[in-house]
C-alpha atoms as a PDB file:
ATOM      1  CA  MET A   1      -8.728 -12.852  16.968  1.00  0.00           C
ATOM      2  CA  THR A   2      -7.701  -9.617  14.607  1.00  0.00           C
ATOM      3  CA  ARG A   3      -7.853 -11.064  11.106  1.00  0.00           C
ATOM      4  CA  THR A   4      -4.971  -9.693   8.606  1.00  0.00           C
ATOM      5  CA  VAL A   5      -5.792  -8.872   4.718  1.00  0.00           C
ATOM      6  CA  LEU A   6      -2.998  -8.184   2.579  1.00  0.00           C
ATOM      7  CA  CYS A   7      -3.722  -6.053  -0.529  1.00  0.00           C
ATOM      8  CA  TYR A   8      -1.536  -6.629  -3.332  1.00  0.00           C
ATOM      9  CA  GLY A   9      -1.946  -4.601  -6.018  1.00  0.00           C
ATOM     10  CA  ASP A  10      -0.306  -1.533  -8.516  1.00  0.00           C
ATOM     11  CA  SER A  11      -0.923   2.374  -8.343  1.00  0.00           C
ATOM     12  CA  ASN A  12      -4.717   1.752  -7.655  1.00  0.00           C
ATOM     13  CA  THR A  13      -3.875   0.080  -4.854  1.00  0.00           C
ATOM     14  CA  PHE A  14      -0.880   2.803  -4.000  1.00  0.00           C
ATOM     15  CA  GLY A  15      -3.421   5.208  -4.581  1.00  0.00           C
ATOM     16  CA  HIS A  16      -2.212   7.399  -7.711  1.00  0.00           C
ATOM     17  CA  ALA A  17      -4.591  10.494  -7.258  1.00  0.00           C
ATOM     18  CA  THR A  18      -6.399  11.561 -10.491  1.00  0.00           C
ATOM     19  CA  VAL A  19      -7.305  14.817  -8.503  1.00  0.00           C
ATOM     20  CA  PRO A  20      -4.620  17.091  -6.834  1.00  0.00           C
ATOM     21  CA  ARG A  21      -3.316  15.785  -3.630  1.00  0.00           C
ATOM     22  CA  PRO A  22       0.055  16.041  -1.892  1.00  0.00           C
ATOM     23  CA  ASP A  23       2.627  13.826  -3.641  1.00  0.00           C
ATOM     24  CA  GLY A  24      -0.011  12.772  -6.204  1.00  0.00           C
ATOM     25  CA  ARG A  25      -1.268  10.222  -3.803  1.00  0.00           C
ATOM     26  CA  TYR A  26      -4.478   9.897  -1.877  1.00  0.00           C
ATOM     27  CA  GLY A  27      -4.332  10.091   1.817  1.00  0.00           C
ATOM     28  CA  PRO A  28      -4.802   6.884   3.841  1.00  0.00           C
ATOM     29  CA  GLU A  29      -8.198   7.227   4.454  1.00  0.00           C
ATOM     30  CA  GLU A  30      -9.213   7.798   0.704  1.00  0.00           C
ATOM     31  CA  ARG A  31      -7.272   4.824  -0.560  1.00  0.00           C
ATOM     32  CA  TRP A  32      -9.440   1.636  -1.264  1.00  0.00           C
ATOM     33  CA  PRO A  33      -7.592  -0.167   1.358  1.00  0.00           C
ATOM     34  CA  GLY A  34      -8.003   2.358   3.715  1.00  0.00           C
ATOM     35  CA  VAL A  35     -12.130   2.215   2.927  1.00  0.00           C
ATOM     36  CA  LEU A  36     -11.845  -1.323   3.541  1.00  0.00           C
ATOM     37  CA  ARG A  37     -10.143  -1.055   6.846  1.00  0.00           C
ATOM     38  CA  ALA A  38     -12.771   1.446   8.288  1.00  0.00           C
ATOM     39  CA  ALA A  39     -15.407  -0.399   6.765  1.00  0.00           C
ATOM     40  CA  LEU A  40     -14.499  -3.574   8.365  1.00  0.00           C
ATOM     41  CA  GLY A  41     -13.905  -2.161  11.899  1.00  0.00           C
ATOM     42  CA  ALA A  42     -12.256  -3.789  14.219  1.00  0.00           C
ATOM     43  CA  GLY A  43     -11.033  -7.231  14.426  1.00  0.00           C
ATOM     44  CA  TRP A  44      -9.419  -6.653  11.088  1.00  0.00           C
ATOM     45  CA  TYR A  45      -6.124  -5.483  10.038  1.00  0.00           C
ATOM     46  CA  VAL A  46      -5.574  -4.408   6.504  1.00  0.00           C
ATOM     47  CA  ILE A  47      -2.095  -4.019   4.885  1.00  0.00           C
ATOM     48  CA  GLU A  48      -1.407  -2.291   1.930  1.00  0.00           C
ATOM     49  CA  GLU A  49       0.912  -3.579  -0.864  1.00  0.00           C
ATOM     50  CA  GLY A  50       0.645  -1.238  -3.990  1.00  0.00           C
ATOM     51  CA  LEU A  51       3.313  -0.152  -6.373  1.00  0.00           C
ATOM     52  CA  GLY A  52       3.179   1.915  -9.490  1.00  0.00           C
ATOM     53  CA  GLY A  53       3.500   0.001 -12.601  1.00  0.00           C
ATOM     54  CA  ARG A  54       3.466  -3.277 -10.930  1.00  0.00           C
ATOM     55  CA  THR A  55       2.618  -6.116 -13.645  1.00  0.00           C
ATOM     56  CA  THR A  56       1.562  -9.791 -12.820  1.00  0.00           C
ATOM     57  CA  VAL A  57       4.725 -11.520 -13.697  1.00  0.00           C
ATOM     58  CA  SER A  58       6.510  -9.613 -16.266  1.00  0.00           C
ATOM     59  CA  ASP A  59       9.908  -7.718 -15.619  1.00  0.00           C
ATOM     60  CA  ASP A  60       9.509  -4.053 -17.290  1.00  0.00           C
ATOM     61  CA  PRO A  61      11.846  -3.444 -19.802  1.00  0.00           C
ATOM     62  CA  VAL A  62      11.387   0.500 -19.590  1.00  0.00           C
ATOM     63  CA  GLU A  63      10.070   0.956 -15.940  1.00  0.00           C
ATOM     64  CA  GLY A  64      12.379  -1.529 -14.407  1.00  0.00           C
ATOM     65  CA  ALA A  65      12.244  -5.439 -13.099  1.00  0.00           C
ATOM     66  CA  GLU A  66      11.188  -4.516  -9.897  1.00  0.00           C
ATOM     67  CA  ARG A  67       7.824  -3.799 -11.242  1.00  0.00           C
ATOM     68  CA  ASN A  68       7.179  -7.545 -11.473  1.00  0.00           C
ATOM     69  CA  GLY A  69       4.500  -8.554  -9.219  1.00  0.00           C
ATOM     70  CA  ARG A  70       5.866 -12.285  -8.926  1.00  0.00           C
ATOM     71  CA  THR A  71       9.215 -11.447  -7.964  1.00  0.00           C
ATOM     72  CA  TYR A  72       8.008  -9.924  -4.631  1.00  0.00           C
ATOM     73  CA  LEU A  73       5.218 -11.430  -3.857  1.00  0.00           C
ATOM     74  CA  TYR A  74       6.712 -14.455  -1.698  1.00  0.00           C
ATOM     75  CA  PRO A  75       8.973 -12.543   0.258  1.00  0.00           C
ATOM     76  CA  CYS A  76       5.865 -10.262   1.106  1.00  0.00           C
ATOM     77  CA  LEU A  77       3.504 -13.035   2.064  1.00  0.00           C
ATOM     78  CA  MET A  78       6.401 -14.091   4.440  1.00  0.00           C
ATOM     79  CA  SER A  79       6.774 -10.660   6.109  1.00  0.00           C
ATOM     80  CA  HIS A  80       3.150 -10.284   6.911  1.00  0.00           C
ATOM     81  CA  LYS A  81       2.182 -13.934   8.026  1.00  0.00           C
ATOM     82  CA  PRO A  82      -0.045 -15.282   9.557  1.00  0.00           C
ATOM     83  CA  LEU A  83      -2.760 -14.089   6.442  1.00  0.00           C
ATOM     84  CA  ASP A  84      -6.301 -14.770   6.690  1.00  0.00           C
ATOM     85  CA  MET A  85      -6.942 -13.246   3.096  1.00  0.00           C
ATOM     86  CA  VAL A  86      -4.856 -11.866   0.407  1.00  0.00           C
ATOM     87  CA  ILE A  87      -6.610  -9.537  -2.451  1.00  0.00           C
ATOM     88  CA  ILE A  88      -4.806  -9.381  -5.671  1.00  0.00           C
ATOM     89  CA  MET A  89      -5.498  -6.688  -8.115  1.00  0.00           C
ATOM     90  CA  LEU A  90      -3.336  -6.547 -10.789  1.00  0.00           C
ATOM     91  CA  GLY A  91      -3.479  -6.477 -14.398  1.00  0.00           C
ATOM     92  CA  THR A  92      -3.733  -2.843 -15.834  1.00  0.00           C
ATOM     93  CA  ASN A  93      -0.150  -2.419 -16.226  1.00  0.00           C
ATOM     94  CA  ASP A  94      -0.067  -5.683 -18.529  1.00  0.00           C
ATOM     95  CA  LEU A  95      -2.079  -4.151 -21.173  1.00  0.00           C
ATOM     96  CA  LYS A  96       0.476  -1.912 -21.968  1.00  0.00           C
ATOM     97  CA  HIS A  97       1.433  -2.195 -25.531  1.00  0.00           C
ATOM     98  CA  ARG A  98       5.365  -3.119 -25.177  1.00  0.00           C
ATOM     99  CA  PHE A  99       4.403  -6.526 -23.260  1.00  0.00           C
ATOM    100  CA  GLY A 100       1.556  -7.832 -26.178  1.00  0.00           C
ATOM    101  CA  LYS A 101      -0.499  -9.832 -23.902  1.00  0.00           C
ATOM    102  CA  SER A 102      -3.851 -11.061 -24.381  1.00  0.00           C
ATOM    103  CA  ALA A 103      -6.380 -10.808 -21.468  1.00  0.00           C
ATOM    104  CA  TRP A 104      -5.652 -14.298 -21.418  1.00  0.00           C
ATOM    105  CA  ASP A 105      -2.383 -14.126 -21.067  1.00  0.00           C
ATOM    106  CA  ILE A 106      -3.057 -11.525 -17.951  1.00  0.00           C
ATOM    107  CA  ALA A 107      -5.221 -13.942 -16.338  1.00  0.00           C
ATOM    108  CA  GLU A 108      -2.796 -16.706 -16.461  1.00  0.00           C
ATOM    109  CA  GLY A 109       0.027 -14.295 -14.624  1.00  0.00           C
ATOM    110  CA  MET A 110      -2.871 -13.841 -11.734  1.00  0.00           C
ATOM    111  CA  ALA A 111      -2.848 -17.863 -11.827  1.00  0.00           C
ATOM    112  CA  ALA A 112       0.496 -17.907 -11.369  1.00  0.00           C
ATOM    113  CA  LEU A 113       0.501 -15.094  -8.165  1.00  0.00           C
ATOM    114  CA  ALA A 114      -2.351 -17.191  -6.780  1.00  0.00           C
ATOM    115  CA  THR A 115      -0.516 -20.488  -7.096  1.00  0.00           C
ATOM    116  CA  ILE A 116       2.410 -18.405  -5.157  1.00  0.00           C
ATOM    117  CA  THR A 117      -0.247 -17.571  -2.449  1.00  0.00           C
ATOM    118  CA  ARG A 118      -1.761 -20.639  -1.851  1.00  0.00           C
ATOM    119  CA  SER A 119       1.350 -22.751  -1.624  1.00  0.00           C
ATOM    120  CA  ALA A 120       3.613 -20.224   0.664  1.00  0.00           C
ATOM    121  CA  ALA A 121       2.186 -21.516   3.801  1.00  0.00           C
ATOM    122  CA  ALA A 122       1.567 -17.934   4.804  1.00  0.00           C
ATOM    123  CA  GLY A 123      -1.660 -18.629   6.225  1.00  0.00           C
ATOM    124  CA  ARG A 124      -2.339 -19.425   9.983  1.00  0.00           C
ATOM    125  CA  ASN A 125      -0.485 -22.647  11.603  1.00  0.00           C
ATOM    126  CA  GLY A 126       1.183 -22.820   8.180  1.00  0.00           C
ATOM    127  CA  GLY A 127      -1.601 -23.382   6.277  1.00  0.00           C
ATOM    128  CA  ALA A 128      -3.037 -21.400   3.048  1.00  0.00           C
ATOM    129  CA  PRO A 129      -4.463 -18.057   3.210  1.00  0.00           C
ATOM    130  CA  GLU A 130      -7.802 -17.135   1.309  1.00  0.00           C
ATOM    131  CA  VAL A 131      -7.283 -15.667  -2.146  1.00  0.00           C
ATOM    132  CA  ILE A 132      -9.681 -13.058  -3.928  1.00  0.00           C
ATOM    133  CA  LEU A 133      -8.562 -12.594  -7.368  1.00  0.00           C
ATOM    134  CA  VAL A 134      -9.621  -8.839  -8.278  1.00  0.00           C
ATOM    135  CA  SER A 135     -10.195  -7.738 -12.065  1.00  0.00           C
ATOM    136  CA  PRO A 136      -9.300  -3.989 -12.447  1.00  0.00           C
ATOM    137  CA  PRO A 137     -12.215  -1.626 -13.842  1.00  0.00           C
ATOM    138  CA  PRO A 138     -12.038  -1.340 -17.382  1.00  0.00           C
ATOM    139  CA  ILE A 139      -9.390   1.402 -19.145  1.00  0.00           C
ATOM    140  CA  LEU A 140     -11.381   3.651 -20.830  1.00  0.00           C
ATOM    141  CA  ARG A 141     -11.267   4.404 -24.416  1.00  0.00           C
ATOM    142  CA  LYS A 142      -9.917   8.137 -23.976  1.00  0.00           C
ATOM    143  CA  LEU A 143      -6.507   7.941 -22.416  1.00  0.00           C
ATOM    144  CA  PRO A 144      -5.267  11.247 -22.296  1.00  0.00           C
ATOM    145  CA  GLY A 145      -1.596  11.558 -22.836  1.00  0.00           C
ATOM    146  CA  PHE A 146      -1.428   7.705 -22.667  1.00  0.00           C
ATOM    147  CA  GLU A 147      -2.814   6.191 -25.939  1.00  0.00           C
ATOM    148  CA  ASP A 148       0.622   5.110 -27.227  1.00  0.00           C
ATOM    149  CA  LEU A 149       1.333   3.129 -24.208  1.00  0.00           C
ATOM    150  CA  PHE A 150      -1.875   1.327 -23.827  1.00  0.00           C
ATOM    151  CA  GLU A 151      -2.458   1.178 -27.870  1.00  0.00           C
ATOM    152  CA  GLY A 152      -5.091  -1.668 -28.352  1.00  0.00           C
ATOM    153  CA  ALA A 153      -5.491  -2.295 -24.926  1.00  0.00           C
ATOM    154  CA  TYR A 154      -9.262  -1.212 -24.631  1.00  0.00           C
ATOM    155  CA  ALA A 155     -10.790  -4.375 -25.875  1.00  0.00           C
ATOM    156  CA  LYS A 156      -8.438  -6.551 -23.875  1.00  0.00           C
ATOM    157  CA  SER A 157      -9.436  -4.847 -20.571  1.00  0.00           C
ATOM    158  CA  GLN A 158     -12.913  -5.139 -21.167  1.00  0.00           C
ATOM    159  CA  ASP A 159     -12.284  -9.101 -21.509  1.00  0.00           C
ATOM    160  CA  MET A 160     -10.373  -9.687 -18.658  1.00  0.00           C
ATOM    161  CA  ALA A 161     -12.973 -10.387 -15.675  1.00  0.00           C
ATOM    162  CA  LYS A 162     -14.405 -13.174 -17.982  1.00  0.00           C
ATOM    163  CA  ARG A 163     -10.824 -14.425 -17.837  1.00  0.00           C
ATOM    164  CA  TYR A 164     -10.412 -13.788 -14.236  1.00  0.00           C
ATOM    165  CA  GLN A 165     -13.330 -15.585 -13.081  1.00  0.00           C
ATOM    166  CA  ALA A 166     -12.312 -18.571 -15.522  1.00  0.00           C
ATOM    167  CA  VAL A 167      -8.873 -18.926 -13.238  1.00  0.00           C
ATOM    168  CA  ALA A 168     -10.621 -18.440 -10.066  1.00  0.00           C
ATOM    169  CA  ASP A 169     -13.040 -21.149 -11.039  1.00  0.00           C
ATOM    170  CA  ARG A 170     -10.055 -23.731 -12.279  1.00  0.00           C
ATOM    171  CA  LEU A 171      -8.203 -22.760  -8.927  1.00  0.00           C
ATOM    172  CA  GLY A 172     -11.395 -22.840  -6.343  1.00  0.00           C
ATOM    173  CA  ILE A 173     -10.416 -19.515  -5.150  1.00  0.00           C
ATOM    174  CA  ARG A 174     -12.821 -16.288  -4.969  1.00  0.00           C
ATOM    175  CA  PHE A 175     -13.140 -13.957  -7.745  1.00  0.00           C
ATOM    176  CA  PHE A 176     -14.480 -10.074  -7.798  1.00  0.00           C
ATOM    177  CA  ASP A 177     -15.271  -7.937 -10.521  1.00  0.00           C
ATOM    178  CA  ALA A 178     -14.118  -4.430  -9.404  1.00  0.00           C
ATOM    179  CA  GLY A 179     -15.717  -3.203 -12.655  1.00  0.00           C
ATOM    180  CA  LYS A 180     -19.034  -3.770 -11.358  1.00  0.00           C
ATOM    181  CA  VAL A 181     -18.804  -1.229  -8.438  1.00  0.00           C
ATOM    182  CA  ALA A 182     -15.810   1.406  -9.745  1.00  0.00           C
ATOM    183  CA  LYS A 183     -15.082   3.118 -12.962  1.00  0.00           C
ATOM    184  CA  SER A 184     -11.665   4.069 -14.343  1.00  0.00           C
ATOM    185  CA  GLY A 185     -11.330   8.196 -14.056  1.00  0.00           C
ATOM    186  CA  LYS A 186     -11.421  10.543 -16.786  1.00  0.00           C
ATOM    187  CA  ALA A 187      -8.374  12.110 -15.924  1.00  0.00           C
ATOM    188  CA  ASP A 188      -6.047   9.841 -17.261  1.00  0.00           C
ATOM    189  CA  GLY A 189      -8.441   6.733 -18.368  1.00  0.00           C
ATOM    190  CA  PHE A 190      -7.250   4.088 -16.237  1.00  0.00           C
ATOM    191  CA  HIS A 191      -6.579   5.351 -12.588  1.00  0.00           C
ATOM    192  CA  LEU A 192      -9.788   5.709  -9.998  1.00  0.00           C
ATOM    193  CA  ASP A 193     -10.912   8.595  -8.621  1.00  0.00           C
ATOM    194  CA  PRO A 194     -11.888   9.109  -5.010  1.00  0.00           C
ATOM    195  CA  GLU A 195     -15.524   7.969  -5.571  1.00  0.00           C
ATOM    196  CA  ALA A 196     -14.291   4.673  -7.370  1.00  0.00           C
ATOM    197  CA  HIS A 197     -11.762   3.934  -4.241  1.00  0.00           C
ATOM    198  CA  ALA A 198     -14.612   4.358  -1.816  1.00  0.00           C
ATOM    199  CA  ALA A 199     -17.225   2.290  -4.045  1.00  0.00           C
ATOM    200  CA  LEU A 200     -14.455  -0.509  -4.382  1.00  0.00           C
ATOM    201  CA  GLY A 201     -13.065  -0.298  -0.422  1.00  0.00           C
ATOM    202  CA  ARG A 202     -16.759  -0.649   0.822  1.00  0.00           C
ATOM    203  CA  ALA A 203     -17.839  -3.638  -1.707  1.00  0.00           C
ATOM    204  CA  LEU A 204     -15.047  -5.532  -0.791  1.00  0.00           C
ATOM    205  CA  ALA A 205     -15.648  -5.230   3.036  1.00  0.00           C
ATOM    206  CA  LEU A 206     -19.359  -6.551   2.357  1.00  0.00           C
ATOM    207  CA  GLU A 207     -17.420  -9.458   0.493  1.00  0.00           C
ATOM    208  CA  LEU A 208     -15.108 -10.218   3.205  1.00  0.00           C
ATOM    209  CA  ASN A 209     -17.649  -9.806   6.153  1.00  0.00           C
ATOM    210  CA  ARG A 210     -19.885 -12.778   4.309  1.00  0.00           C
ATOM    211  CA  LEU A 211     -17.030 -15.452   4.299  1.00  0.00           C
ATOM    212  CA  LYS A 212     -16.980 -17.742   7.204  1.00  0.00           C
ATOM    213  CA  LEU A 213     -12.891 -17.438   7.544  1.00  0.00           C
ATOM    214  CA  PRO A 214     -11.540 -20.082  10.243  1.00  0.00           C
ATOM    215  CA  GLY A 215     -11.015 -19.013  13.775  1.00  0.00           C
END
């Protein structure tokens, strides 16, 4: 049986490049979902669903309402079912100053997404897929060209892993701290370099291989 994994995220799942790449996007084999796919090997199907600017649960008044991760999540789950695993890595865009969110607010947005995923009957035989909430690597203090956009966000980003862990514990789902294996790149302070994508993809593959999924 082929197991299906959905990777739901923002530009760091899409593969926004910090070094020169065609169209400013890392190639399929460089992006962390692609690294995950290669590391898992035969028997796994990995789906990439990354969108630049995607938030957890908020319409973006500047970049567009379609950036709301909650709006698209349910149809996305239904499009790709049956799913064995859903990996959700969002929250960086919620740190933008215009949203005025705390780390607690952002984590609660992730809780809403996890709840939708668990209740959507998108797993095998109408069940619920496993969920991993991933806290993105904290942003850096230096954000060349983006200081105003992320004003006051550094400290909040440092607090997110703890908040995500608490949400995961409360909901009885899995948690992974991406900041333990990958760092934000210095090019802009919040996108991942190729090395970070590689490290994250390999680490998540190890995490999935440790799980005892049904079937």
